Amino acid sequence: MTWPARIGMGIAVLAALAVGQTVDAALPVEHVDERPFVRAGGIGDRVPTRYADVTVDAVHTAESLDTPQGEVGTPGRWLVVDLTVVAWRRPLSRPAISLEDKSGRVFDVDPRTGYDWSSAPTGVRWRVQAPFEVPEDALRGATLVFSRDANDDRRDDLARIDLGIEPGDVAELWDTQQVIELSPAQMATP
């Protein structure tokens, strides 16, 4: 390539960069939508996401939990959600699992219970019991929220699973004297 052609090519590149800068300044991006892609379901529904299929199998309440560290009580109730998760493409190490009530309050899995998510292997049905300490008014309309990462769910799939707790169910769930023994996360048997 000759020197005049090289100089011309350099000027063309600089002109293209200048045009790009002008267009970028004229059309600023004020807002980038970073909301997660919500996948909804109910009890018994398989909710597919890009990283796993999530199913809420059952919901229980308890006055206390029997854990490896001993019995753990609460002034409220323990809402224990039984989940089956099948990870896709790669193991699922530490997903975010939380509970959201009708008024928007968020309850995280309580660490006092000894809850531990062991890495869910790819393609294997993985059973987990997620315990949440809740007050009575959080039961009605409670929704389980499951995402791949506790710190960042921007533009990723998020499972929102309605636990099916109606106003008429609250009194029965609250009046329990049950003690639940939490099982560790494990592979589901057929």
N, C-alpha and C. Protein backbone atom coordinates (compact mmCIF):
# COMPACT_ATOMS: atom_id res chain seq x y z
N MET A 1 0.85 -1.16 0.00
CA MET A 1 0.00 0.00 0.00
C MET A 1 0.91 1.24 0.00
N THR A 2 0.55 2.21 -0.79
CA THR A 2 1.36 3.42 -0.91
C THR A 2 1.10 4.36 0.25
N TRP A 3 2.02 5.31 0.45
CA TRP A 3 1.86 6.29 1.54
C TRP A 3 0.59 7.11 1.38
N PRO A 4 0.25 7.62 0.24
CA PRO A 4 -0.99 8.38 0.11
C PRO A 4 -2.23 7.53 0.45
N ALA A 5 -2.21 6.24 0.09
CA ALA A 5 -3.34 5.37 0.41
C ALA A 5 -3.44 5.14 1.92
N ARG A 6 -2.29 4.99 2.57
CA ARG A 6 -2.28 4.81 4.03
C ARG A 6 -2.81 6.05 4.73
N ILE A 7 -2.39 7.20 4.27
CA ILE A 7 -2.86 8.46 4.88
C ILE A 7 -4.36 8.60 4.65
N GLY A 8 -4.80 8.28 3.45
CA GLY A 8 -6.24 8.36 3.14
C GLY A 8 -7.04 7.40 4.01
N MET A 9 -6.52 6.19 4.22
CA MET A 9 -7.18 5.20 5.07
C MET A 9 -7.25 5.70 6.51
N GLY A 10 -6.19 6.31 7.00
CA GLY A 10 -6.17 6.86 8.36
C GLY A 10 -7.18 7.98 8.52
N ILE A 11 -7.30 8.86 7.51
CA ILE A 11 -8.28 9.94 7.57
C ILE A 11 -9.69 9.38 7.56
N ALA A 12 -9.92 8.32 6.75
CA ALA A 12 -11.25 7.70 6.69
C ALA A 12 -11.63 7.10 8.04
N VAL A 13 -10.67 6.45 8.71
CA VAL A 13 -10.93 5.86 10.03
C VAL A 13 -11.24 6.95 11.05
N LEU A 14 -10.46 8.03 11.05
CA LEU A 14 -10.72 9.14 11.97
C LEU A 14 -12.07 9.79 11.69
N ALA A 15 -12.44 9.92 10.42
CA ALA A 15 -13.74 10.49 10.07
C ALA A 15 -14.86 9.59 10.57
N ALA A 16 -14.71 8.27 10.43
CA ALA A 16 -15.73 7.33 10.92
C ALA A 16 -15.87 7.42 12.43
N LEU A 17 -14.75 7.53 13.14
CA LEU A 17 -14.80 7.69 14.60
C LEU A 17 -15.49 8.99 14.99
N ALA A 18 -15.23 10.06 14.26
CA ALA A 18 -15.86 11.35 14.54
C ALA A 18 -17.37 11.28 14.31
N VAL A 19 -17.77 10.63 13.22
CA VAL A 19 -19.21 10.47 12.94
C VAL A 19 -19.85 9.62 14.05
N GLY A 20 -19.20 8.54 14.45
CA GLY A 20 -19.73 7.71 15.53
C GLY A 20 -19.87 8.47 16.83
N GLN A 21 -18.89 9.30 17.17
CA GLN A 21 -18.95 10.11 18.38
C GLN A 21 -20.10 11.11 18.30
N THR A 22 -20.30 11.70 17.13
CA THR A 22 -21.39 12.67 16.94
C THR A 22 -22.75 11.99 17.10
N VAL A 23 -22.91 10.82 16.49
CA VAL A 23 -24.17 10.09 16.61
C VAL A 23 -24.40 9.67 18.07
N ASP A 24 -23.37 9.21 18.75
CA ASP A 24 -23.48 8.81 20.15
C ASP A 24 -23.89 9.98 21.04
N ALA A 25 -23.32 11.16 20.77
CA ALA A 25 -23.66 12.36 21.55
C ALA A 25 -25.07 12.84 21.23
N ALA A 26 -25.51 12.69 19.98
CA ALA A 26 -26.83 13.16 19.58
C ALA A 26 -27.94 12.24 20.08
N LEU A 27 -27.64 10.96 20.22
CA LEU A 27 -28.63 9.98 20.65
C LEU A 27 -28.15 9.28 21.92
N PRO A 28 -28.13 9.97 23.05
CA PRO A 28 -27.61 9.34 24.27
C PRO A 28 -28.55 8.24 24.78
N VAL A 29 -27.96 7.24 25.37
CA VAL A 29 -28.72 6.18 25.99
C VAL A 29 -28.94 6.58 27.45
N GLU A 30 -30.18 6.96 27.75
CA GLU A 30 -30.47 7.43 29.11
C GLU A 30 -30.81 6.28 30.05
N HIS A 31 -31.40 5.24 29.48
CA HIS A 31 -31.81 4.14 30.34
C HIS A 31 -31.61 2.83 29.59
N VAL A 32 -30.93 1.92 30.22
CA VAL A 32 -30.78 0.58 29.69
C VAL A 32 -31.64 -0.34 30.55
N ASP A 33 -32.53 -1.05 29.92
CA ASP A 33 -33.41 -1.94 30.66
C ASP A 33 -32.62 -3.15 31.14
N GLU A 34 -32.48 -3.26 32.46
CA GLU A 34 -31.71 -4.34 33.05
C GLU A 34 -32.57 -5.27 33.90
N ARG A 35 -33.90 -5.17 33.72
CA ARG A 35 -34.79 -6.03 34.49
C ARG A 35 -34.58 -7.49 34.12
N PRO A 36 -34.79 -8.38 35.07
CA PRO A 36 -34.66 -9.81 34.75
C PRO A 36 -35.85 -10.27 33.92
N PHE A 37 -35.69 -11.39 33.24
CA PHE A 37 -36.76 -12.02 32.49
C PHE A 37 -37.49 -12.94 33.46
N VAL A 38 -38.71 -12.58 33.81
CA VAL A 38 -39.46 -13.31 34.84
C VAL A 38 -40.18 -14.50 34.22
N ARG A 39 -39.98 -15.65 34.83
CA ARG A 39 -40.67 -16.89 34.45
C ARG A 39 -41.58 -17.23 35.63
N ALA A 40 -42.87 -17.29 35.41
CA ALA A 40 -43.83 -17.47 36.50
C ALA A 40 -44.39 -18.89 36.51
N GLY A 41 -44.84 -19.30 37.69
CA GLY A 41 -45.46 -20.60 37.85
C GLY A 41 -46.12 -20.72 39.21
N GLY A 42 -46.64 -21.89 39.49
CA GLY A 42 -47.28 -22.18 40.77
C GLY A 42 -46.74 -23.48 41.32
N ILE A 43 -47.33 -23.94 42.41
CA ILE A 43 -46.89 -25.20 43.03
C ILE A 43 -47.11 -26.34 42.04
N GLY A 44 -46.07 -27.15 41.88
CA GLY A 44 -46.14 -28.29 40.98
C GLY A 44 -45.77 -27.97 39.54
N ASP A 45 -45.66 -26.69 39.19
CA ASP A 45 -45.28 -26.31 37.82
C ASP A 45 -43.77 -26.34 37.67
N ARG A 46 -43.30 -26.89 36.56
CA ARG A 46 -41.87 -26.82 36.22
C ARG A 46 -41.66 -25.46 35.57
N VAL A 47 -40.83 -24.64 36.19
CA VAL A 47 -40.56 -23.30 35.67
C VAL A 47 -39.18 -23.34 35.02
N PRO A 48 -39.13 -23.31 33.68
CA PRO A 48 -37.84 -23.39 33.00
C PRO A 48 -37.14 -22.03 32.94
N THR A 49 -35.87 -22.03 33.23
CA THR A 49 -35.03 -20.85 33.07
C THR A 49 -33.83 -21.25 32.22
N ARG A 50 -32.99 -20.30 31.87
CA ARG A 50 -31.82 -20.63 31.05
C ARG A 50 -30.81 -21.50 31.79
N TYR A 51 -30.83 -21.47 33.11
CA TYR A 51 -29.82 -22.18 33.88
C TYR A 51 -30.35 -23.38 34.64
N ALA A 52 -31.67 -23.48 34.83
CA ALA A 52 -32.24 -24.61 35.58
C ALA A 52 -33.76 -24.65 35.42
N ASP A 53 -34.32 -25.83 35.66
CA ASP A 53 -35.76 -25.98 35.82
C ASP A 53 -36.02 -25.98 37.32
N VAL A 54 -37.00 -25.20 37.76
CA VAL A 54 -37.30 -25.07 39.18
C VAL A 54 -38.76 -25.47 39.40
N THR A 55 -38.99 -26.34 40.38
CA THR A 55 -40.35 -26.77 40.72
C THR A 55 -40.53 -26.68 42.23
N VAL A 56 -41.60 -26.03 42.67
CA VAL A 56 -41.97 -26.06 44.09
C VAL A 56 -42.87 -27.26 44.26
N ASP A 57 -42.43 -28.23 45.06
CA ASP A 57 -43.18 -29.46 45.26
C ASP A 57 -44.21 -29.34 46.37
N ALA A 58 -43.88 -28.64 47.44
CA ALA A 58 -44.78 -28.53 48.59
C ALA A 58 -44.37 -27.36 49.47
N VAL A 59 -45.31 -26.95 50.31
CA VAL A 59 -45.08 -25.87 51.28
C VAL A 59 -45.57 -26.36 52.64
N HIS A 60 -44.75 -26.16 53.67
CA HIS A 60 -45.10 -26.57 55.03
C HIS A 60 -44.82 -25.41 55.98
N THR A 61 -45.51 -25.40 57.11
CA THR A 61 -45.17 -24.46 58.18
C THR A 61 -44.81 -25.26 59.42
N ALA A 62 -43.99 -24.64 60.25
CA ALA A 62 -43.57 -25.30 61.49
C ALA A 62 -43.35 -24.25 62.56
N GLU A 63 -43.53 -24.68 63.80
CA GLU A 63 -43.27 -23.82 64.95
C GLU A 63 -41.76 -23.79 65.24
N SER A 64 -41.09 -24.92 64.93
CA SER A 64 -39.64 -24.99 65.09
C SER A 64 -39.07 -25.99 64.10
N LEU A 65 -37.76 -25.89 63.91
CA LEU A 65 -37.05 -26.77 62.99
C LEU A 65 -36.04 -27.60 63.75
N ASP A 66 -35.94 -28.87 63.38
CA ASP A 66 -34.93 -29.74 63.96
C ASP A 66 -33.77 -29.75 62.98
N THR A 67 -32.66 -29.16 63.38
CA THR A 67 -31.49 -29.02 62.51
C THR A 67 -30.30 -29.73 63.13
N PRO A 68 -29.22 -29.92 62.37
CA PRO A 68 -28.01 -30.52 62.95
C PRO A 68 -27.45 -29.72 64.13
N GLN A 69 -27.74 -28.40 64.17
CA GLN A 69 -27.27 -27.57 65.27
C GLN A 69 -28.21 -27.61 66.47
N GLY A 70 -29.35 -28.28 66.34
CA GLY A 70 -30.34 -28.33 67.41
C GLY A 70 -31.65 -27.75 66.94
N GLU A 71 -32.61 -27.66 67.87
CA GLU A 71 -33.92 -27.13 67.52
C GLU A 71 -33.87 -25.61 67.42
N VAL A 72 -34.48 -25.07 66.36
CA VAL A 72 -34.49 -23.62 66.13
C VAL A 72 -35.95 -23.17 66.11
N GLY A 73 -36.33 -22.37 67.12
CA GLY A 73 -37.68 -21.85 67.21
C GLY A 73 -37.80 -20.48 66.58
N THR A 74 -39.00 -19.92 66.64
CA THR A 74 -39.25 -18.61 66.08
C THR A 74 -40.48 -18.00 66.75
N PRO A 75 -40.55 -16.68 66.91
CA PRO A 75 -41.77 -16.06 67.41
C PRO A 75 -42.86 -16.07 66.34
N GLY A 76 -42.47 -16.23 65.08
CA GLY A 76 -43.42 -16.34 63.97
C GLY A 76 -43.62 -17.80 63.62
N ARG A 77 -43.47 -18.12 62.34
CA ARG A 77 -43.51 -19.50 61.88
C ARG A 77 -42.41 -19.71 60.85
N TRP A 78 -42.02 -20.95 60.69
CA TRP A 78 -41.10 -21.32 59.62
C TRP A 78 -41.95 -21.74 58.43
N LEU A 79 -41.73 -21.12 57.31
CA LEU A 79 -42.35 -21.54 56.06
C LEU A 79 -41.26 -22.30 55.30
N VAL A 80 -41.46 -23.60 55.14
CA VAL A 80 -40.46 -24.46 54.50
C VAL A 80 -40.98 -24.81 53.10
N VAL A 81 -40.17 -24.48 52.10
CA VAL A 81 -40.54 -24.73 50.71
C VAL A 81 -39.69 -25.88 50.19
N ASP A 82 -40.35 -26.94 49.73
CA ASP A 82 -39.66 -28.08 49.12
C ASP A 82 -39.50 -27.81 47.63
N LEU A 83 -38.25 -27.82 47.17
CA LEU A 83 -37.94 -27.53 45.77
C LEU A 83 -37.27 -28.71 45.10
N THR A 84 -37.50 -28.83 43.79
CA THR A 84 -36.71 -29.72 42.94
C THR A 84 -36.11 -28.84 41.87
N VAL A 85 -34.79 -28.92 41.72
CA VAL A 85 -34.07 -28.09 40.75
C VAL A 85 -33.24 -29.01 39.86
N VAL A 86 -33.30 -28.76 38.55
CA VAL A 86 -32.45 -29.48 37.60
C VAL A 86 -31.60 -28.43 36.89
N ALA A 87 -30.30 -28.43 37.18
CA ALA A 87 -29.38 -27.46 36.57
C ALA A 87 -29.07 -27.85 35.13
N TRP A 88 -28.95 -26.84 34.27
CA TRP A 88 -28.62 -27.06 32.87
C TRP A 88 -27.26 -26.45 32.53
N ARG A 89 -26.55 -27.06 31.63
CA ARG A 89 -25.27 -26.60 31.07
C ARG A 89 -24.10 -26.67 32.04
N ARG A 90 -24.28 -26.25 33.28
CA ARG A 90 -23.20 -26.33 34.27
C ARG A 90 -23.81 -26.40 35.66
N PRO A 91 -23.07 -26.89 36.65
CA PRO A 91 -23.61 -26.99 38.01
C PRO A 91 -24.07 -25.63 38.54
N LEU A 92 -25.08 -25.67 39.38
CA LEU A 92 -25.64 -24.46 39.98
C LEU A 92 -25.11 -24.36 41.40
N SER A 93 -24.22 -23.39 41.65
CA SER A 93 -23.51 -23.39 42.92
C SER A 93 -24.23 -22.65 44.05
N ARG A 94 -24.58 -21.41 43.91
CA ARG A 94 -25.20 -20.67 45.01
C ARG A 94 -26.30 -19.76 44.48
N PRO A 95 -27.46 -20.33 44.17
CA PRO A 95 -28.54 -19.48 43.66
C PRO A 95 -29.14 -18.63 44.78
N ALA A 96 -29.83 -17.59 44.39
CA ALA A 96 -30.55 -16.75 45.35
C ALA A 96 -31.96 -17.30 45.49
N ILE A 97 -32.35 -17.63 46.70
CA ILE A 97 -33.70 -18.11 46.98
C ILE A 97 -34.26 -17.20 48.06
N SER A 98 -35.38 -16.54 47.73
CA SER A 98 -36.00 -15.66 48.72
C SER A 98 -37.51 -15.80 48.63
N LEU A 99 -38.18 -15.21 49.60
CA LEU A 99 -39.62 -15.23 49.67
C LEU A 99 -40.09 -13.79 49.67
N GLU A 100 -41.12 -13.50 48.88
CA GLU A 100 -41.66 -12.15 48.83
C GLU A 100 -43.13 -12.21 49.19
N ASP A 101 -43.56 -11.31 50.10
CA ASP A 101 -44.97 -11.30 50.47
C ASP A 101 -45.74 -10.29 49.62
N LYS A 102 -47.04 -10.21 49.84
CA LYS A 102 -47.92 -9.33 49.04
C LYS A 102 -47.52 -7.87 49.13
N SER A 103 -46.96 -7.44 50.26
CA SER A 103 -46.61 -6.02 50.41
C SER A 103 -45.20 -5.72 49.92
N GLY A 104 -44.50 -6.73 49.36
CA GLY A 104 -43.18 -6.50 48.80
C GLY A 104 -42.02 -6.76 49.74
N ARG A 105 -42.30 -7.18 50.97
CA ARG A 105 -41.21 -7.52 51.89
C ARG A 105 -40.51 -8.77 51.40
N VAL A 106 -39.21 -8.80 51.60
CA VAL A 106 -38.40 -9.95 51.15
C VAL A 106 -37.81 -10.65 52.36
N PHE A 107 -37.93 -11.97 52.36
CA PHE A 107 -37.39 -12.81 53.43
C PHE A 107 -36.37 -13.75 52.81
N ASP A 108 -35.17 -13.76 53.36
CA ASP A 108 -34.13 -14.66 52.88
C ASP A 108 -34.12 -15.94 53.68
N VAL A 109 -33.49 -16.96 53.13
CA VAL A 109 -33.33 -18.22 53.86
C VAL A 109 -32.53 -17.91 55.12
N ASP A 110 -32.99 -18.42 56.25
CA ASP A 110 -32.38 -18.10 57.53
C ASP A 110 -31.14 -18.96 57.78
N PRO A 111 -29.98 -18.35 58.00
CA PRO A 111 -28.75 -19.13 58.21
C PRO A 111 -28.73 -19.90 59.53
N ARG A 112 -29.56 -19.52 60.51
CA ARG A 112 -29.58 -20.25 61.78
C ARG A 112 -30.05 -21.68 61.61
N THR A 113 -30.73 -21.97 60.50
CA THR A 113 -31.30 -23.30 60.29
C THR A 113 -30.29 -24.32 59.81
N GLY A 114 -29.08 -23.85 59.48
CA GLY A 114 -28.08 -24.76 58.94
C GLY A 114 -28.31 -25.05 57.47
N TYR A 115 -29.21 -24.29 56.85
CA TYR A 115 -29.48 -24.47 55.41
C TYR A 115 -28.18 -24.36 54.64
N ASP A 116 -27.97 -25.31 53.75
CA ASP A 116 -26.76 -25.29 52.94
C ASP A 116 -27.10 -25.79 51.55
N TRP A 117 -26.79 -25.00 50.55
CA TRP A 117 -26.99 -25.41 49.17
C TRP A 117 -25.67 -25.99 48.69
N SER A 118 -25.64 -27.29 48.51
CA SER A 118 -24.47 -27.91 47.90
C SER A 118 -24.64 -27.74 46.39
N SER A 119 -23.57 -27.64 45.68
CA SER A 119 -23.62 -27.41 44.25
C SER A 119 -24.47 -28.47 43.56
N ALA A 120 -25.52 -28.03 42.86
CA ALA A 120 -26.42 -28.96 42.17
C ALA A 120 -25.78 -29.42 40.86
N PRO A 121 -25.55 -30.73 40.71
CA PRO A 121 -24.92 -31.21 39.49
C PRO A 121 -25.82 -31.03 38.26
N THR A 122 -25.21 -30.91 37.12
CA THR A 122 -25.93 -30.71 35.88
C THR A 122 -26.77 -31.93 35.52
N GLY A 123 -28.04 -31.69 35.15
CA GLY A 123 -28.92 -32.75 34.67
C GLY A 123 -29.47 -33.68 35.72
N VAL A 124 -29.25 -33.39 37.00
CA VAL A 124 -29.71 -34.26 38.09
C VAL A 124 -30.82 -33.54 38.86
N ARG A 125 -31.89 -34.29 39.19
CA ARG A 125 -32.96 -33.70 40.01
C ARG A 125 -32.43 -33.52 41.43
N TRP A 126 -32.39 -32.26 41.88
CA TRP A 126 -31.78 -31.89 43.16
C TRP A 126 -32.88 -31.41 44.09
N ARG A 127 -33.02 -32.06 45.24
CA ARG A 127 -34.07 -31.71 46.20
C ARG A 127 -33.50 -30.81 47.29
N VAL A 128 -34.25 -29.76 47.60
CA VAL A 128 -33.81 -28.77 48.59
C VAL A 128 -35.02 -28.37 49.43
N GLN A 129 -34.79 -28.15 50.71
CA GLN A 129 -35.80 -27.54 51.58
C GLN A 129 -35.29 -26.17 51.98
N ALA A 130 -36.04 -25.13 51.61
CA ALA A 130 -35.64 -23.75 51.91
C ALA A 130 -36.53 -23.21 53.03
N PRO A 131 -35.94 -22.93 54.22
CA PRO A 131 -36.73 -22.44 55.35
C PRO A 131 -36.70 -20.90 55.46
N PHE A 132 -37.86 -20.31 55.67
CA PHE A 132 -37.97 -18.85 55.82
C PHE A 132 -38.72 -18.57 57.12
N GLU A 133 -38.19 -17.66 57.92
CA GLU A 133 -38.86 -17.24 59.15
C GLU A 133 -39.78 -16.08 58.78
N VAL A 134 -41.10 -16.25 59.01
CA VAL A 134 -42.07 -15.24 58.56
C VAL A 134 -43.09 -14.91 59.64
N PRO A 135 -43.61 -13.68 59.61
CA PRO A 135 -44.75 -13.34 60.47
C PRO A 135 -46.04 -13.81 59.80
N GLU A 136 -47.13 -13.82 60.54
CA GLU A 136 -48.40 -14.34 60.02
C GLU A 136 -48.88 -13.59 58.78
N ASP A 137 -48.72 -12.27 58.77
CA ASP A 137 -49.24 -11.50 57.62
C ASP A 137 -48.42 -11.68 56.34
N ALA A 138 -47.31 -12.39 56.40
CA ALA A 138 -46.50 -12.64 55.20
C ALA A 138 -46.91 -13.92 54.47
N LEU A 139 -47.76 -14.73 55.08
CA LEU A 139 -48.13 -16.00 54.46
C LEU A 139 -49.02 -15.82 53.24
N ARG A 140 -50.07 -15.02 53.36
CA ARG A 140 -51.04 -14.86 52.26
C ARG A 140 -50.35 -14.28 51.02
N GLY A 141 -50.47 -15.01 49.92
CA GLY A 141 -49.93 -14.53 48.66
C GLY A 141 -48.41 -14.59 48.55
N ALA A 142 -47.75 -15.36 49.40
CA ALA A 142 -46.29 -15.44 49.36
C ALA A 142 -45.82 -16.04 48.03
N THR A 143 -44.70 -15.53 47.55
CA THR A 143 -44.12 -15.95 46.28
C THR A 143 -42.65 -16.30 46.49
N LEU A 144 -42.21 -17.43 45.96
CA LEU A 144 -40.82 -17.81 46.00
C LEU A 144 -40.12 -17.17 44.80
N VAL A 145 -38.95 -16.58 45.05
CA VAL A 145 -38.15 -15.96 43.98
C VAL A 145 -36.82 -16.71 43.92
N PHE A 146 -36.49 -17.21 42.72
CA PHE A 146 -35.30 -18.03 42.52
C PHE A 146 -34.50 -17.45 41.37
N SER A 147 -33.23 -17.11 41.62
CA SER A 147 -32.37 -16.60 40.54
C SER A 147 -30.99 -17.23 40.65
N ARG A 148 -30.24 -17.12 39.58
CA ARG A 148 -28.93 -17.77 39.51
C ARG A 148 -27.92 -17.16 40.47
N ASP A 149 -28.00 -15.84 40.68
CA ASP A 149 -26.98 -15.13 41.45
C ASP A 149 -27.64 -14.21 42.46
N ALA A 150 -27.22 -14.28 43.70
CA ALA A 150 -27.79 -13.44 44.75
C ALA A 150 -27.46 -11.96 44.57
N ASN A 151 -26.38 -11.66 43.89
CA ASN A 151 -25.94 -10.27 43.78
C ASN A 151 -26.32 -9.59 42.48
N ASP A 152 -26.68 -10.35 41.44
CA ASP A 152 -26.91 -9.73 40.15
C ASP A 152 -27.86 -10.58 39.31
N ASP A 153 -29.09 -10.11 39.11
CA ASP A 153 -30.01 -10.83 38.23
C ASP A 153 -30.40 -9.99 37.01
N ARG A 154 -29.59 -8.97 36.71
CA ARG A 154 -29.88 -8.12 35.56
C ARG A 154 -29.88 -8.94 34.27
N ARG A 155 -30.95 -8.79 33.50
CA ARG A 155 -31.10 -9.41 32.19
C ARG A 155 -30.87 -10.93 32.21
N ASP A 156 -31.18 -11.54 33.33
CA ASP A 156 -31.09 -12.98 33.46
C ASP A 156 -32.49 -13.51 33.80
N ASP A 157 -32.69 -14.81 33.68
CA ASP A 157 -33.97 -15.39 34.03
C ASP A 157 -34.14 -15.41 35.54
N LEU A 158 -35.39 -15.22 35.96
CA LEU A 158 -35.75 -15.22 37.38
C LEU A 158 -37.07 -15.98 37.50
N ALA A 159 -37.13 -16.99 38.34
CA ALA A 159 -38.36 -17.74 38.56
C ALA A 159 -39.14 -17.13 39.71
N ARG A 160 -40.41 -16.82 39.47
CA ARG A 160 -41.33 -16.33 40.52
C ARG A 160 -42.45 -17.35 40.61
N ILE A 161 -42.51 -18.04 41.76
CA ILE A 161 -43.46 -19.14 41.91
C ILE A 161 -44.44 -18.82 43.03
N ASP A 162 -45.70 -18.70 42.65
CA ASP A 162 -46.78 -18.43 43.61
C ASP A 162 -46.97 -19.67 44.47
N LEU A 163 -46.91 -19.51 45.78
CA LEU A 163 -47.03 -20.64 46.69
C LEU A 163 -48.47 -21.05 46.96
N GLY A 164 -49.42 -20.34 46.38
CA GLY A 164 -50.81 -20.74 46.46
C GLY A 164 -51.45 -20.60 47.83
N ILE A 165 -50.92 -19.72 48.66
CA ILE A 165 -51.48 -19.54 50.00
C ILE A 165 -52.56 -18.46 49.93
N GLU A 166 -53.80 -18.89 50.08
CA GLU A 166 -54.96 -18.00 50.02
C GLU A 166 -55.29 -17.49 51.42
N PRO A 167 -56.10 -16.42 51.53
CA PRO A 167 -56.46 -15.90 52.86
C PRO A 167 -57.06 -16.96 53.78
N GLY A 168 -57.85 -17.88 53.24
CA GLY A 168 -58.45 -18.94 54.06
C GLY A 168 -57.47 -19.98 54.56
N ASP A 169 -56.29 -20.06 53.96
CA ASP A 169 -55.28 -21.04 54.36
C ASP A 169 -54.39 -20.56 55.50
N VAL A 170 -54.36 -19.25 55.73
CA VAL A 170 -53.41 -18.66 56.68
C VAL A 170 -53.62 -19.19 58.10
N ALA A 171 -54.86 -19.22 58.57
CA ALA A 171 -55.13 -19.66 59.95
C ALA A 171 -54.67 -21.10 60.17
N GLU A 172 -54.95 -21.98 59.21
CA GLU A 172 -54.54 -23.38 59.34
C GLU A 172 -53.01 -23.51 59.34
N LEU A 173 -52.34 -22.78 58.47
CA LEU A 173 -50.88 -22.83 58.43
C LEU A 173 -50.27 -22.26 59.70
N TRP A 174 -50.88 -21.21 60.23
CA TRP A 174 -50.32 -20.54 61.41
C TRP A 174 -50.51 -21.37 62.68
N ASP A 175 -51.59 -22.12 62.77
CA ASP A 175 -51.91 -22.85 63.99
C ASP A 175 -51.17 -24.18 64.13
N THR A 176 -50.10 -24.36 63.45
CA THR A 176 -49.34 -25.61 63.50
C THR A 176 -48.50 -25.71 64.77
N GLN A 177 -48.35 -26.92 65.23
CA GLN A 177 -47.43 -27.22 66.34
C GLN A 177 -46.29 -28.09 65.82
N GLN A 178 -46.21 -28.24 64.53
CA GLN A 178 -45.28 -29.16 63.89
C GLN A 178 -43.82 -28.74 64.06
N VAL A 179 -42.97 -29.75 64.17
CA VAL A 179 -41.52 -29.57 64.15
C VAL A 179 -41.04 -30.29 62.88
N ILE A 180 -40.33 -29.57 62.02
CA ILE A 180 -39.85 -30.17 60.77
C ILE A 180 -38.35 -30.42 60.88
N GLU A 181 -37.96 -31.64 60.50
CA GLU A 181 -36.54 -31.97 60.42
C GLU A 181 -36.08 -31.64 59.01
N LEU A 182 -35.15 -30.68 58.91
CA LEU A 182 -34.66 -30.27 57.60
C LEU A 182 -33.68 -31.29 57.04
N SER A 183 -33.89 -31.63 55.80
CA SER A 183 -32.97 -32.54 55.11
C SER A 183 -31.94 -31.72 54.36
N PRO A 184 -30.72 -32.21 54.25
CA PRO A 184 -29.73 -31.49 53.44
C PRO A 184 -30.08 -31.60 51.95
N ALA A 185 -29.58 -30.66 51.17
CA ALA A 185 -29.79 -30.72 49.72
C ALA A 185 -29.21 -32.03 49.22
N GLN A 186 -29.96 -32.73 48.35
CA GLN A 186 -29.51 -34.04 47.90
C GLN A 186 -30.14 -34.42 46.57
N MET A 187 -29.57 -35.41 45.95
CA MET A 187 -30.10 -35.92 44.69
C MET A 187 -31.44 -36.60 44.95
N ALA A 188 -32.41 -36.32 44.09
CA ALA A 188 -33.73 -36.93 44.25
C ALA A 188 -33.70 -38.38 43.79
N THR A 189 -34.37 -39.23 44.55
CA THR A 189 -34.47 -40.63 44.16
C THR A 189 -35.76 -40.78 43.35
N PRO A 190 -35.74 -41.64 42.33
CA PRO A 190 -36.94 -41.80 41.48
C PRO A 190 -38.14 -42.30 42.23
